[in-house]
Amino acid sequence: MTEGLRIRIVDPGDDYLGIEIQVSNGRFAGSTRIFAGLEQLTEFSAKIAGFPTNPDDERIYESGSRESKIAGGYGRMRFHCIDHKGHAAIEVILEDDDKYYSAASARLSLQVEAADIDRFIKRLRELQKERSGEAVLSSSV
């Protein structure tokens, strides 16, 4: 996988979207599958739209569940600035569903560019409409 965050629709159902989240920073990587609501990609894109607005801007989005009785994995993405110039990074935490896979988790960070976040948001919105495909937010380092 190329360095970055990838969100891919793998199982579009009538009342959910099966989504695979993958992340890699070149040294470390992880992935999980979650079951998302039909509007979840739109909610995610709305949450991170316009990021960053200032050096203290922070946006957190969680998807899936950590509860073992709920199917699917868990993903948490924290968008934040790493300096006062507004350079951005994402901290990603992924956990797998231990009903289907061995218990595993990944936590890593990526530096990203604001313009790439804007393109990623546009693609997330397209995925929501198309109910297939993938959106990639490439790492800037």
N, C-alpha and C. Protein backbone atom coordinates (compact mmCIF):
# COMPACT_ATOMS: atom_id res chain seq x y z
N MET A 1 0.83 -1.18 0.00
CA MET A 1 0.00 0.00 0.00
C MET A 1 0.88 1.25 0.00
N THR A 2 0.46 2.26 -0.73
CA THR A 2 1.18 3.53 -0.70
C THR A 2 0.96 4.21 0.65
N GLU A 3 1.87 5.10 0.99
CA GLU A 3 1.76 5.78 2.28
C GLU A 3 0.55 6.69 2.28
N GLY A 4 -0.29 6.53 3.29
CA GLY A 4 -1.46 7.38 3.42
C GLY A 4 -2.62 6.63 4.05
N LEU A 5 -3.78 7.25 3.98
CA LEU A 5 -5.03 6.72 4.51
C LEU A 5 -5.93 6.36 3.33
N ARG A 6 -6.44 5.15 3.32
CA ARG A 6 -7.32 4.68 2.24
C ARG A 6 -8.63 4.20 2.85
N ILE A 7 -9.74 4.68 2.30
CA ILE A 7 -11.06 4.23 2.71
C ILE A 7 -11.73 3.66 1.47
N ARG A 8 -12.13 2.40 1.58
CA ARG A 8 -12.65 1.69 0.41
C ARG A 8 -13.96 1.00 0.77
N ILE A 9 -14.96 1.14 -0.08
CA ILE A 9 -16.22 0.44 0.12
C ILE A 9 -16.04 -0.98 -0.41
N VAL A 10 -16.26 -1.97 0.45
CA VAL A 10 -16.06 -3.36 0.07
C VAL A 10 -17.35 -4.16 0.10
N ASP A 11 -18.39 -3.64 0.75
CA ASP A 11 -19.64 -4.39 0.88
C ASP A 11 -20.80 -3.42 1.05
N PRO A 12 -21.35 -2.90 -0.07
CA PRO A 12 -22.49 -1.99 0.07
C PRO A 12 -23.78 -2.77 0.27
N GLY A 13 -24.40 -2.61 1.43
CA GLY A 13 -25.66 -3.27 1.71
C GLY A 13 -26.82 -2.31 1.53
N ASP A 14 -28.03 -2.80 1.74
CA ASP A 14 -29.21 -1.95 1.61
C ASP A 14 -29.30 -0.91 2.72
N ASP A 15 -28.80 -1.25 3.90
CA ASP A 15 -28.90 -0.33 5.03
C ASP A 15 -27.56 -0.09 5.74
N TYR A 16 -26.46 -0.39 5.08
CA TYR A 16 -25.13 -0.14 5.64
C TYR A 16 -24.11 -0.11 4.51
N LEU A 17 -22.91 0.34 4.86
CA LEU A 17 -21.76 0.26 3.96
C LEU A 17 -20.66 -0.50 4.68
N GLY A 18 -20.18 -1.57 4.08
CA GLY A 18 -19.01 -2.26 4.60
C GLY A 18 -17.78 -1.52 4.08
N ILE A 19 -16.99 -0.99 4.99
CA ILE A 19 -15.86 -0.14 4.61
C ILE A 19 -14.57 -0.73 5.16
N GLU A 20 -13.53 -0.72 4.32
CA GLU A 20 -12.20 -1.09 4.77
C GLU A 20 -11.39 0.18 4.92
N ILE A 21 -10.75 0.33 6.08
CA ILE A 21 -9.87 1.46 6.33
C ILE A 21 -8.45 0.91 6.39
N GLN A 22 -7.57 1.48 5.59
CA GLN A 22 -6.16 1.08 5.58
C GLN A 22 -5.31 2.31 5.82
N VAL A 23 -4.20 2.12 6.52
CA VAL A 23 -3.27 3.22 6.75
C VAL A 23 -1.85 2.68 6.73
N SER A 24 -0.95 3.47 6.17
CA SER A 24 0.47 3.10 6.14
C SER A 24 1.30 4.37 6.18
N ASN A 25 2.38 4.32 6.96
CA ASN A 25 3.31 5.45 6.96
C ASN A 25 4.67 5.05 6.39
N GLY A 26 4.71 3.93 5.70
CA GLY A 26 5.96 3.46 5.11
C GLY A 26 6.66 2.42 5.96
N ARG A 27 6.62 2.59 7.25
CA ARG A 27 7.22 1.62 8.18
C ARG A 27 6.18 0.70 8.79
N PHE A 28 5.04 1.28 9.11
CA PHE A 28 3.98 0.53 9.77
C PHE A 28 2.70 0.66 8.97
N ALA A 29 1.83 -0.35 9.11
CA ALA A 29 0.57 -0.33 8.40
C ALA A 29 -0.48 -1.10 9.19
N GLY A 30 -1.73 -0.84 8.89
CA GLY A 30 -2.83 -1.56 9.51
C GLY A 30 -4.09 -1.39 8.69
N SER A 31 -5.06 -2.25 8.96
CA SER A 31 -6.35 -2.14 8.28
C SER A 31 -7.43 -2.75 9.15
N THR A 32 -8.65 -2.34 8.90
CA THR A 32 -9.81 -2.91 9.57
C THR A 32 -11.02 -2.75 8.67
N ARG A 33 -12.02 -3.55 8.93
CA ARG A 33 -13.30 -3.43 8.22
C ARG A 33 -14.34 -3.03 9.23
N ILE A 34 -15.15 -2.06 8.85
CA ILE A 34 -16.23 -1.60 9.72
C ILE A 34 -17.53 -1.65 8.95
N PHE A 35 -18.62 -1.61 9.71
CA PHE A 35 -19.95 -1.48 9.12
C PHE A 35 -20.42 -0.07 9.46
N ALA A 36 -20.65 0.74 8.42
CA ALA A 36 -21.00 2.14 8.59
C ALA A 36 -22.43 2.39 8.14
N GLY A 37 -23.01 3.43 8.70
CA GLY A 37 -24.32 3.87 8.25
C GLY A 37 -24.22 4.43 6.84
N LEU A 38 -25.34 4.51 6.17
CA LEU A 38 -25.35 4.95 4.77
C LEU A 38 -24.87 6.39 4.59
N GLU A 39 -24.95 7.21 5.61
CA GLU A 39 -24.53 8.61 5.52
C GLU A 39 -23.19 8.88 6.19
N GLN A 40 -22.51 7.84 6.65
CA GLN A 40 -21.31 8.04 7.45
C GLN A 40 -20.17 8.71 6.70
N LEU A 41 -19.99 8.43 5.44
CA LEU A 41 -18.91 9.08 4.69
C LEU A 41 -19.18 10.57 4.53
N THR A 42 -20.46 10.94 4.37
CA THR A 42 -20.84 12.34 4.31
C THR A 42 -20.57 13.02 5.65
N GLU A 43 -20.89 12.34 6.74
CA GLU A 43 -20.64 12.89 8.07
C GLU A 43 -19.14 13.09 8.31
N PHE A 44 -18.35 12.12 7.89
CA PHE A 44 -16.90 12.21 8.04
C PHE A 44 -16.35 13.39 7.24
N SER A 45 -16.78 13.50 5.98
CA SER A 45 -16.28 14.59 5.14
C SER A 45 -16.70 15.95 5.70
N ALA A 46 -17.91 16.06 6.25
CA ALA A 46 -18.36 17.31 6.85
C ALA A 46 -17.53 17.66 8.09
N LYS A 47 -17.16 16.64 8.85
CA LYS A 47 -16.37 16.85 10.07
C LYS A 47 -14.99 17.43 9.77
N ILE A 48 -14.36 16.98 8.69
CA ILE A 48 -12.99 17.43 8.41
C ILE A 48 -12.93 18.55 7.36
N ALA A 49 -14.08 18.96 6.82
CA ALA A 49 -14.10 20.02 5.80
C ALA A 49 -13.50 21.30 6.37
N GLY A 50 -12.63 21.93 5.58
CA GLY A 50 -12.03 23.19 5.98
C GLY A 50 -10.84 23.08 6.91
N PHE A 51 -10.46 21.85 7.23
CA PHE A 51 -9.32 21.65 8.14
C PHE A 51 -8.02 22.00 7.43
N PRO A 52 -7.08 22.66 8.03
CA PRO A 52 -7.12 23.31 9.35
C PRO A 52 -7.53 24.78 9.23
N THR A 53 -8.26 25.26 10.22
CA THR A 53 -8.66 26.67 10.23
C THR A 53 -7.67 27.54 11.01
N ASN A 54 -6.92 26.90 11.91
CA ASN A 54 -5.91 27.62 12.70
C ASN A 54 -4.96 26.57 13.28
N PRO A 55 -3.83 26.98 13.85
CA PRO A 55 -2.85 26.01 14.35
C PRO A 55 -3.35 25.13 15.50
N ASP A 56 -4.43 25.55 16.17
CA ASP A 56 -4.99 24.75 17.27
C ASP A 56 -6.15 23.86 16.84
N ASP A 57 -6.49 23.89 15.56
CA ASP A 57 -7.61 23.11 15.05
C ASP A 57 -7.35 21.61 15.24
N GLU A 58 -8.36 20.92 15.70
CA GLU A 58 -8.28 19.46 15.88
C GLU A 58 -9.65 18.89 15.56
N ARG A 59 -9.68 17.85 14.76
CA ARG A 59 -10.94 17.18 14.40
C ARG A 59 -10.76 15.69 14.65
N ILE A 60 -11.71 15.09 15.35
CA ILE A 60 -11.65 13.66 15.64
C ILE A 60 -12.89 13.00 15.07
N TYR A 61 -12.67 11.91 14.36
CA TYR A 61 -13.79 11.15 13.84
C TYR A 61 -13.58 9.67 14.16
N GLU A 62 -14.62 9.06 14.72
CA GLU A 62 -14.58 7.64 15.05
C GLU A 62 -15.63 6.90 14.24
N SER A 63 -15.30 5.66 13.89
CA SER A 63 -16.20 4.84 13.10
C SER A 63 -16.09 3.40 13.55
N GLY A 64 -17.20 2.68 13.47
CA GLY A 64 -17.21 1.30 13.94
C GLY A 64 -17.38 1.27 15.45
N SER A 65 -17.01 0.13 16.03
CA SER A 65 -17.20 -0.04 17.47
C SER A 65 -16.08 -0.89 18.06
N ARG A 66 -15.74 -0.57 19.31
CA ARG A 66 -14.77 -1.37 20.05
C ARG A 66 -15.44 -2.50 20.81
N GLU A 67 -16.76 -2.52 20.84
CA GLU A 67 -17.49 -3.54 21.58
C GLU A 67 -17.45 -4.87 20.84
N SER A 68 -17.09 -5.93 21.55
CA SER A 68 -16.96 -7.24 20.91
C SER A 68 -18.30 -7.81 20.46
N LYS A 69 -19.40 -7.38 21.04
CA LYS A 69 -20.70 -7.91 20.63
C LYS A 69 -21.25 -7.23 19.37
N ILE A 70 -20.55 -6.20 18.89
CA ILE A 70 -20.97 -5.52 17.66
C ILE A 70 -20.00 -5.89 16.56
N ALA A 71 -20.55 -6.32 15.42
CA ALA A 71 -19.70 -6.78 14.30
C ALA A 71 -18.90 -5.63 13.71
N GLY A 72 -17.73 -5.97 13.24
CA GLY A 72 -16.86 -5.02 12.58
C GLY A 72 -15.81 -4.45 13.51
N GLY A 73 -14.85 -3.77 12.93
CA GLY A 73 -13.74 -3.19 13.67
C GLY A 73 -14.02 -1.76 14.08
N TYR A 74 -12.94 -1.04 14.34
CA TYR A 74 -13.03 0.32 14.86
C TYR A 74 -11.93 1.17 14.24
N GLY A 75 -12.25 2.42 13.94
CA GLY A 75 -11.25 3.35 13.44
C GLY A 75 -11.44 4.72 14.06
N ARG A 76 -10.33 5.35 14.41
CA ARG A 76 -10.34 6.71 14.96
C ARG A 76 -9.29 7.52 14.20
N MET A 77 -9.72 8.67 13.68
CA MET A 77 -8.82 9.54 12.94
C MET A 77 -8.81 10.90 13.61
N ARG A 78 -7.64 11.31 14.03
CA ARG A 78 -7.48 12.63 14.68
C ARG A 78 -6.65 13.52 13.77
N PHE A 79 -7.29 14.52 13.21
CA PHE A 79 -6.63 15.51 12.36
C PHE A 79 -6.18 16.65 13.27
N HIS A 80 -4.91 17.02 13.19
CA HIS A 80 -4.39 18.08 14.05
C HIS A 80 -3.20 18.75 13.38
N CYS A 81 -2.82 19.90 13.89
CA CYS A 81 -1.66 20.63 13.37
C CYS A 81 -0.43 20.27 14.19
N ILE A 82 0.71 20.20 13.53
CA ILE A 82 1.94 19.82 14.23
C ILE A 82 2.85 21.00 14.51
N ASP A 83 2.45 22.20 14.02
CA ASP A 83 3.22 23.40 14.32
C ASP A 83 2.31 24.61 14.17
N HIS A 84 2.85 25.79 14.44
CA HIS A 84 2.05 27.02 14.36
C HIS A 84 1.91 27.56 12.95
N LYS A 85 2.49 26.89 11.98
CA LYS A 85 2.33 27.27 10.59
C LYS A 85 1.14 26.56 9.95
N GLY A 86 0.51 25.65 10.69
CA GLY A 86 -0.65 24.94 10.18
C GLY A 86 -0.34 23.67 9.43
N HIS A 87 0.90 23.17 9.52
CA HIS A 87 1.20 21.87 8.90
C HIS A 87 0.38 20.80 9.62
N ALA A 88 -0.21 19.92 8.83
CA ALA A 88 -1.20 18.99 9.36
C ALA A 88 -0.70 17.56 9.43
N ALA A 89 -1.32 16.81 10.34
CA ALA A 89 -1.05 15.38 10.48
C ALA A 89 -2.34 14.68 10.88
N ILE A 90 -2.34 13.39 10.67
CA ILE A 90 -3.45 12.54 11.11
C ILE A 90 -2.86 11.46 12.01
N GLU A 91 -3.47 11.26 13.14
CA GLU A 91 -3.16 10.11 13.99
C GLU A 91 -4.30 9.12 13.77
N VAL A 92 -3.97 7.92 13.38
CA VAL A 92 -4.98 6.90 13.07
C VAL A 92 -4.83 5.72 14.02
N ILE A 93 -5.95 5.31 14.60
CA ILE A 93 -5.99 4.11 15.43
C ILE A 93 -6.99 3.16 14.78
N LEU A 94 -6.54 1.94 14.51
CA LEU A 94 -7.42 0.92 13.93
C LEU A 94 -7.40 -0.31 14.82
N GLU A 95 -8.57 -0.92 15.00
CA GLU A 95 -8.68 -2.18 15.73
C GLU A 95 -9.52 -3.13 14.91
N ASP A 96 -9.11 -4.38 14.88
CA ASP A 96 -9.84 -5.38 14.11
C ASP A 96 -10.93 -6.02 14.95
N ASP A 97 -11.88 -6.59 14.25
CA ASP A 97 -12.97 -7.33 14.88
C ASP A 97 -12.43 -8.72 15.23
N ASP A 98 -12.29 -9.00 16.52
CA ASP A 98 -11.68 -10.28 16.90
C ASP A 98 -12.59 -11.48 16.68
N LYS A 99 -13.82 -11.28 16.22
CA LYS A 99 -14.67 -12.41 15.85
C LYS A 99 -14.22 -13.01 14.52
N TYR A 100 -13.63 -12.18 13.66
CA TYR A 100 -13.22 -12.62 12.34
C TYR A 100 -11.72 -12.77 12.17
N TYR A 101 -10.96 -12.04 12.96
CA TYR A 101 -9.50 -12.04 12.84
C TYR A 101 -8.90 -12.15 14.24
N SER A 102 -7.62 -12.42 14.31
CA SER A 102 -6.93 -12.36 15.59
C SER A 102 -6.97 -10.92 16.08
N ALA A 103 -7.08 -10.75 17.39
CA ALA A 103 -7.11 -9.40 17.94
C ALA A 103 -5.85 -8.65 17.53
N ALA A 104 -6.02 -7.47 16.96
CA ALA A 104 -4.88 -6.68 16.51
C ALA A 104 -5.27 -5.22 16.47
N SER A 105 -4.27 -4.36 16.56
CA SER A 105 -4.52 -2.93 16.45
C SER A 105 -3.29 -2.26 15.85
N ALA A 106 -3.51 -1.07 15.34
CA ALA A 106 -2.42 -0.26 14.77
C ALA A 106 -2.67 1.19 15.17
N ARG A 107 -1.59 1.89 15.47
CA ARG A 107 -1.67 3.31 15.80
C ARG A 107 -0.47 3.99 15.15
N LEU A 108 -0.72 4.92 14.25
CA LEU A 108 0.37 5.61 13.59
C LEU A 108 -0.07 6.98 13.12
N SER A 109 0.91 7.78 12.76
CA SER A 109 0.66 9.15 12.31
C SER A 109 1.20 9.38 10.91
N LEU A 110 0.57 10.30 10.22
CA LEU A 110 0.97 10.70 8.87
C LEU A 110 0.92 12.21 8.77
N GLN A 111 1.87 12.80 8.09
CA GLN A 111 1.77 14.22 7.76
C GLN A 111 1.03 14.34 6.44
N VAL A 112 0.14 15.33 6.35
CA VAL A 112 -0.69 15.52 5.16
C VAL A 112 -0.75 17.00 4.81
N GLU A 113 -1.12 17.27 3.58
CA GLU A 113 -1.27 18.64 3.09
C GLU A 113 -2.76 19.01 3.06
N ALA A 114 -3.07 20.28 3.37
CA ALA A 114 -4.45 20.74 3.39
C ALA A 114 -5.13 20.54 2.03
N ALA A 115 -4.43 20.79 0.94
CA ALA A 115 -5.02 20.61 -0.39
C ALA A 115 -5.38 19.15 -0.64
N ASP A 116 -4.57 18.22 -0.13
CA ASP A 116 -4.87 16.79 -0.27
C ASP A 116 -6.09 16.41 0.56
N ILE A 117 -6.25 17.04 1.71
CA ILE A 117 -7.45 16.79 2.53
C ILE A 117 -8.70 17.22 1.75
N ASP A 118 -8.62 18.37 1.09
CA ASP A 118 -9.76 18.85 0.29
C ASP A 118 -10.12 17.86 -0.82
N ARG A 119 -9.12 17.31 -1.50
CA ARG A 119 -9.38 16.31 -2.56
C ARG A 119 -9.96 15.02 -1.96
N PHE A 120 -9.46 14.63 -0.80
CA PHE A 120 -9.95 13.45 -0.10
C PHE A 120 -11.43 13.63 0.26
N ILE A 121 -11.80 14.80 0.75
CA ILE A 121 -13.19 15.09 1.11
C ILE A 121 -14.08 14.99 -0.12
N LYS A 122 -13.64 15.55 -1.22
CA LYS A 122 -14.42 15.49 -2.47
C LYS A 122 -14.65 14.03 -2.87
N ARG A 123 -13.61 13.23 -2.78
CA ARG A 123 -13.74 11.81 -3.15
C ARG A 123 -14.63 11.05 -2.18
N LEU A 124 -14.58 11.35 -0.89
CA LEU A 124 -15.48 10.71 0.08
C LEU A 124 -16.94 10.97 -0.28
N ARG A 125 -17.22 12.19 -0.68
CA ARG A 125 -18.59 12.54 -1.06
C ARG A 125 -19.03 11.79 -2.32
N GLU A 126 -18.11 11.61 -3.25
CA GLU A 126 -18.42 10.82 -4.44
C GLU A 126 -18.68 9.36 -4.08
N LEU A 127 -17.86 8.81 -3.18
CA LEU A 127 -18.06 7.43 -2.73
C LEU A 127 -19.45 7.24 -2.14
N GLN A 128 -19.88 8.22 -1.35
CA GLN A 128 -21.20 8.16 -0.72
C GLN A 128 -22.28 7.98 -1.78
N LYS A 129 -22.16 8.74 -2.87
CA LYS A 129 -23.16 8.68 -3.94
C LYS A 129 -23.03 7.40 -4.76
N GLU A 130 -21.80 7.02 -5.08
CA GLU A 130 -21.55 5.87 -5.96
C GLU A 130 -21.71 4.53 -5.23
N ARG A 131 -21.47 4.55 -3.91
CA ARG A 131 -21.52 3.34 -3.09
C ARG A 131 -20.50 2.28 -3.55
N SER A 132 -19.40 2.76 -4.14
CA SER A 132 -18.30 1.88 -4.50
C SER A 132 -17.06 2.73 -4.72
N GLY A 133 -15.91 2.06 -4.70
CA GLY A 133 -14.65 2.75 -4.97
C GLY A 133 -13.87 3.03 -3.70
N GLU A 134 -12.90 3.96 -3.81
CA GLU A 134 -12.04 4.28 -2.69
C GLU A 134 -11.62 5.74 -2.71
N ALA A 135 -11.27 6.23 -1.55
CA ALA A 135 -10.72 7.57 -1.39
C ALA A 135 -9.38 7.42 -0.71
N VAL A 136 -8.36 8.13 -1.20
CA VAL A 136 -7.01 8.03 -0.65
C VAL A 136 -6.52 9.41 -0.27
N LEU A 137 -5.99 9.51 0.94
CA LEU A 137 -5.33 10.72 1.42
C LEU A 137 -3.85 10.37 1.56
N SER A 138 -3.04 10.86 0.63
CA SER A 138 -1.63 10.51 0.60
C SER A 138 -0.86 11.26 1.69
N SER A 139 0.17 10.60 2.17
CA SER A 139 1.08 11.21 3.13
C SER A 139 1.97 12.20 2.40
N SER A 140 2.32 13.30 3.08
CA SER A 140 3.17 14.29 2.45
C SER A 140 4.64 14.09 2.75
N VAL A 141 4.95 13.11 3.58
CA VAL A 141 6.37 12.85 3.92
C VAL A 141 6.70 11.43 3.58
